[in-house]
N, C-alpha and C. Protein backbone atom coordinates (compact mmCIF):
# COMPACT_ATOMS: atom_id res chain seq x y z
N MET A 1 0.39 -1.23 0.08
CA MET A 1 0.19 0.05 0.15
C MET A 1 0.72 1.24 -0.38
N PRO A 2 0.38 2.17 -0.72
CA PRO A 2 1.65 3.41 -1.29
C PRO A 2 1.22 4.59 0.04
N SER A 3 2.06 5.04 0.56
CA SER A 3 2.34 5.84 1.84
C SER A 3 1.92 6.99 1.43
N GLU A 4 1.31 7.75 2.37
CA GLU A 4 0.97 9.22 1.82
C GLU A 4 1.90 10.03 1.89
N THR A 5 2.29 10.91 1.10
CA THR A 5 3.44 12.15 1.56
C THR A 5 2.54 13.20 1.16
N THR A 6 3.21 14.35 2.13
CA THR A 6 2.76 15.54 2.00
C THR A 6 3.61 16.65 2.35
N THR A 7 3.42 17.62 1.22
CA THR A 7 4.61 18.63 0.95
C THR A 7 4.41 19.66 1.89
N PRO A 8 5.04 21.07 1.94
CA PRO A 8 5.37 22.01 3.33
C PRO A 8 3.61 22.95 2.43
N GLN A 9 3.50 22.97 1.18
CA GLN A 9 2.20 23.44 0.64
C GLN A 9 1.27 23.00 0.81
N ASP A 10 1.20 21.35 1.33
CA ASP A 10 -0.24 20.85 1.51
C ASP A 10 -0.38 21.17 3.27
N GLU A 11 0.85 21.30 4.09
CA GLU A 11 0.86 21.25 5.58
C GLU A 11 0.16 23.10 5.46
N GLN A 12 0.52 23.91 4.92
CA GLN A 12 0.46 25.20 5.20
C GLN A 12 -1.18 25.66 4.49
N GLU A 13 -1.84 24.62 3.56
CA GLU A 13 -3.44 24.99 3.15
C GLU A 13 -4.08 24.23 4.71
N ARG A 14 -3.76 23.07 4.80
CA ARG A 14 -3.89 22.36 5.75
C ARG A 14 -4.63 23.60 7.16
N LYS A 15 -3.39 24.31 7.57
CA LYS A 15 -3.22 25.46 8.55
C LYS A 15 -4.28 26.64 8.20
N THR A 16 -4.76 26.98 7.37
CA THR A 16 -5.06 28.17 6.77
C THR A 16 -6.72 28.19 6.99
N GLU A 17 -6.95 29.32 7.67
CA GLU A 17 -8.65 29.16 7.78
C GLU A 17 -9.35 29.85 7.10
N ILE A 18 -10.57 29.14 6.48
CA ILE A 18 -10.84 29.55 5.30
C ILE A 18 -12.47 30.66 6.06
N GLU A 19 -13.13 31.50 5.60
CA GLU A 19 -14.16 31.68 6.15
C GLU A 19 -15.18 32.15 5.11
N TYR A 20 -16.43 31.96 5.02
CA TYR A 20 -17.07 32.17 4.46
C TYR A 20 -18.56 32.07 5.05
N PHE A 21 -19.66 32.08 4.16
CA PHE A 21 -20.98 32.69 5.08
C PHE A 21 -21.89 31.63 4.13
N VAL A 22 -23.14 31.32 5.07
CA VAL A 22 -24.26 30.63 5.08
C VAL A 22 -25.02 31.38 5.36
N ASN A 23 -26.26 32.11 4.65
CA ASN A 23 -27.74 32.99 5.02
C ASN A 23 -26.99 33.94 5.88
N GLY A 24 -25.83 34.57 5.47
CA GLY A 24 -25.08 35.92 5.80
C GLY A 24 -24.52 35.55 7.42
N GLU A 25 -24.27 34.47 8.13
CA GLU A 25 -23.58 33.91 9.32
C GLU A 25 -22.30 33.28 8.61
N ILE A 26 -21.38 33.99 9.27
CA ILE A 26 -19.94 32.99 9.21
C ILE A 26 -19.99 31.87 9.75
N GLN A 27 -18.80 31.20 9.02
CA GLN A 27 -18.57 29.65 8.93
C GLN A 27 -16.86 29.80 9.10
N THR A 28 -16.25 29.01 9.55
CA THR A 28 -14.96 28.65 9.31
C THR A 28 -14.38 27.45 8.81
N THR A 29 -13.67 27.13 8.45
CA THR A 29 -13.12 25.73 8.33
C THR A 29 -11.52 25.78 7.95
N HIS A 30 -10.70 24.51 8.13
CA HIS A 30 -9.33 24.39 7.50
C HIS A 30 -9.52 23.36 6.08
N GLU A 31 -10.52 23.18 6.23
CA GLU A 31 -10.74 22.20 4.84
C GLU A 31 -11.07 23.20 3.58
N HIS A 32 -10.29 22.73 2.42
CA HIS A 32 -10.41 23.79 1.23
C HIS A 32 -11.48 23.10 0.53
N LYS A 33 -11.98 21.92 0.38
CA LYS A 33 -13.30 21.15 -0.01
C LYS A 33 -13.85 20.38 0.80
N LEU A 34 -15.57 21.11 0.90
CA LEU A 34 -16.30 20.30 1.42
C LEU A 34 -17.67 19.97 1.09
N THR A 35 -18.38 19.11 1.12
CA THR A 35 -19.74 18.81 0.11
C THR A 35 -20.67 19.88 0.38
N ALA A 36 -21.68 19.49 -0.50
CA ALA A 36 -22.44 20.49 -0.03
C ALA A 36 -23.67 20.15 1.08
N LYS A 37 -23.48 18.83 1.52
CA LYS A 37 -24.15 18.32 2.92
C LYS A 37 -23.35 18.80 4.27
N GLN A 38 -22.00 18.67 4.04
CA GLN A 38 -20.91 19.16 4.81
C GLN A 38 -21.14 20.77 5.05
N ILE A 39 -21.24 21.54 4.57
CA ILE A 39 -21.77 22.79 4.60
C ILE A 39 -22.81 23.08 5.32
N LEU A 40 -23.64 22.60 4.99
CA LEU A 40 -25.40 22.77 5.07
C LEU A 40 -25.02 22.24 6.94
N GLU A 41 -24.31 20.97 7.29
CA GLU A 41 -24.33 20.54 8.56
C GLU A 41 -23.72 21.47 9.56
N GLU A 42 -22.45 21.82 9.03
CA GLU A 42 -21.48 23.06 9.83
C GLU A 42 -22.26 23.93 10.06
N ALA A 43 -23.32 24.45 9.41
CA ALA A 43 -24.30 25.86 9.49
C ALA A 43 -25.39 25.57 10.15
N GLY A 44 -25.75 24.13 10.55
CA GLY A 44 -26.75 24.04 11.55
C GLY A 44 -28.19 23.48 10.72
N PHE A 45 -27.87 23.04 9.60
CA PHE A 45 -29.53 22.95 8.70
C PHE A 45 -29.46 21.71 9.06
N ASP A 46 -30.34 21.10 9.90
CA ASP A 46 -30.54 19.87 10.01
C ASP A 46 -31.66 19.27 9.60
N PRO A 47 -32.27 18.18 9.04
CA PRO A 47 -31.43 17.38 8.33
C PRO A 47 -30.91 18.03 7.14
N PRO A 48 -29.66 18.09 6.71
CA PRO A 48 -29.68 18.58 5.32
C PRO A 48 -30.12 18.30 4.16
N GLU A 49 -30.60 17.26 4.19
CA GLU A 49 -31.92 16.28 3.15
C GLU A 49 -32.91 16.94 3.08
N GLU A 50 -33.14 18.56 3.79
CA GLU A 50 -34.31 19.28 3.81
C GLU A 50 -33.94 20.68 3.05
N TRP A 51 -32.60 20.69 2.77
CA TRP A 51 -32.28 22.08 2.16
C TRP A 51 -31.42 21.99 1.26
N LEU A 52 -31.58 23.11 0.38
CA LEU A 52 -30.73 23.30 -0.86
C LEU A 52 -29.46 24.18 -0.99
N LEU A 53 -28.57 23.84 -0.86
CA LEU A 53 -27.13 24.91 -0.83
C LEU A 53 -27.32 25.63 -2.21
N SER A 54 -27.39 26.63 -2.41
CA SER A 54 -26.81 27.20 -3.48
C SER A 54 -25.59 28.52 -3.43
N ARG A 55 -24.63 28.66 -4.41
CA ARG A 55 -23.89 29.49 -4.00
C ARG A 55 -24.28 31.08 -4.61
N ASP A 56 -24.23 32.28 -4.16
CA ASP A 56 -24.94 33.41 -4.58
C ASP A 56 -23.81 34.10 -5.67
N GLU A 57 -22.60 34.08 -5.87
CA GLU A 57 -21.84 34.58 -6.81
C GLU A 57 -20.75 33.57 -7.35
N PRO A 58 -20.84 33.12 -8.50
CA PRO A 58 -22.11 33.17 -9.47
C PRO A 58 -22.84 32.15 -9.30
N PRO A 59 -24.06 32.47 -9.44
CA PRO A 59 -25.41 31.93 -8.84
C PRO A 59 -25.25 30.53 -9.21
N HIS A 60 -25.46 29.31 -8.48
CA HIS A 60 -24.92 27.85 -8.65
C HIS A 60 -25.88 26.99 -7.51
N GLU A 61 -26.74 26.32 -7.65
CA GLU A 61 -27.52 25.51 -7.19
C GLU A 61 -26.84 24.02 -6.74
N TYR A 62 -26.65 23.71 -5.96
CA TYR A 62 -26.35 22.47 -5.44
C TYR A 62 -26.96 21.21 -5.52
N LYS A 63 -27.62 20.67 -6.23
CA LYS A 63 -29.00 19.73 -6.18
C LYS A 63 -28.13 18.31 -5.67
N ASN A 64 -26.93 18.38 -5.90
CA ASN A 64 -26.36 16.79 -5.09
C ASN A 64 -25.75 16.98 -4.14
N PRO A 65 -26.17 16.75 -2.75
CA PRO A 65 -25.30 16.87 -1.58
C PRO A 65 -23.95 16.41 -1.55
N ASP A 66 -23.55 15.33 -2.15
CA ASP A 66 -22.40 14.90 -2.38
C ASP A 66 -21.65 15.71 -2.98
N HIS A 67 -22.06 17.00 -3.84
CA HIS A 67 -21.12 17.33 -4.66
C HIS A 67 -19.73 18.17 -3.82
N GLU A 68 -18.70 17.98 -4.22
CA GLU A 68 -17.66 18.65 -3.36
C GLU A 68 -17.41 20.15 -4.20
N ILE A 69 -17.24 20.98 -3.12
CA ILE A 69 -17.27 21.88 -3.35
C ILE A 69 -15.91 22.61 -2.99
N GLN A 70 -14.86 23.49 -3.82
CA GLN A 70 -13.90 24.00 -3.95
C GLN A 70 -14.26 25.15 -3.12
N LEU A 71 -14.09 25.93 -1.54
CA LEU A 71 -14.34 26.80 -0.76
C LEU A 71 -13.05 28.19 -1.36
N ARG A 72 -13.85 29.13 -1.33
CA ARG A 72 -12.89 30.17 -1.49
C ARG A 72 -13.19 31.54 0.00
N LYS A 73 -12.33 32.01 0.09
CA LYS A 73 -12.46 32.58 1.02
C LYS A 73 -13.80 34.04 0.92
N ASP A 74 -14.44 34.29 1.68
CA ASP A 74 -15.70 34.94 1.81
C ASP A 74 -16.72 34.71 0.89
N GLU A 75 -16.81 33.44 0.39
CA GLU A 75 -17.71 32.83 -0.63
C GLU A 75 -19.10 33.11 0.30
N ARG A 76 -20.18 33.26 -0.68
CA ARG A 76 -21.23 33.34 0.22
C ARG A 76 -22.66 32.17 -0.34
N PHE A 77 -23.17 31.48 0.56
CA PHE A 77 -24.08 30.57 0.09
C PHE A 77 -25.43 30.77 1.11
N THR A 78 -26.31 30.54 0.21
CA THR A 78 -27.49 29.94 1.03
C THR A 78 -28.37 28.93 0.94
N ALA A 79 -28.86 28.94 2.21
CA ALA A 79 -29.70 27.56 2.42
C ALA A 79 -31.06 27.63 2.31
N THR A 80 -31.72 27.16 1.69
CA THR A 80 -33.39 26.99 0.74
C THR A 80 -34.18 25.80 1.82
N PHE A 81 -34.66 25.98 2.61
CA PHE A 81 -35.83 25.16 3.15
C PHE A 81 -36.55 24.46 1.86
N THR A 82 -36.45 22.58 2.08
CA THR A 82 -37.12 22.19 0.61
C THR A 82 -38.09 21.07 1.55
N GLY A 83 -37.78 21.25 2.62
CA GLY A 83 -38.86 19.85 3.17
C GLY A 83 -40.48 20.68 3.01
N SER A 84 -41.15 19.42 4.03
CA SER A 84 -42.37 19.73 3.68
C SER A 84 -42.39 20.20 5.28
N THR A 85 -43.45 20.91 5.29
CA THR A 85 -43.94 21.66 6.45
C THR A 85 -45.25 21.36 7.16
N GLU A 86 -45.39 21.06 8.38
CA GLU A 86 -46.79 20.29 9.16
C GLU A 86 -47.51 21.53 9.17
N THR A 87 -49.15 21.38 8.60
CA THR A 87 -50.00 22.17 8.67
C THR A 87 -51.16 21.63 10.01
N SER A 88 -51.95 22.75 10.64
CA SER A 88 -52.74 22.21 11.60
C SER A 88 -54.52 21.84 10.97
């Protein structure tokens, strides 16, 4: 089994904190890639299957919750509820 090697650049990228926003609330991570589902979960949207994540600029909807997103500093996302609501 091949061993995983890391470069100094890899180490620096892991240490760099990225700030991004979901519905205007700041989120932080050391990961440079997260899935749409992970972004929703980290921002407290539970269950994530009942939410649709979209990037504000340029506009894009992530309909696949397992879609991996390359995060950029100060990137802005919107979580939109898509689940059913109870009525009385």
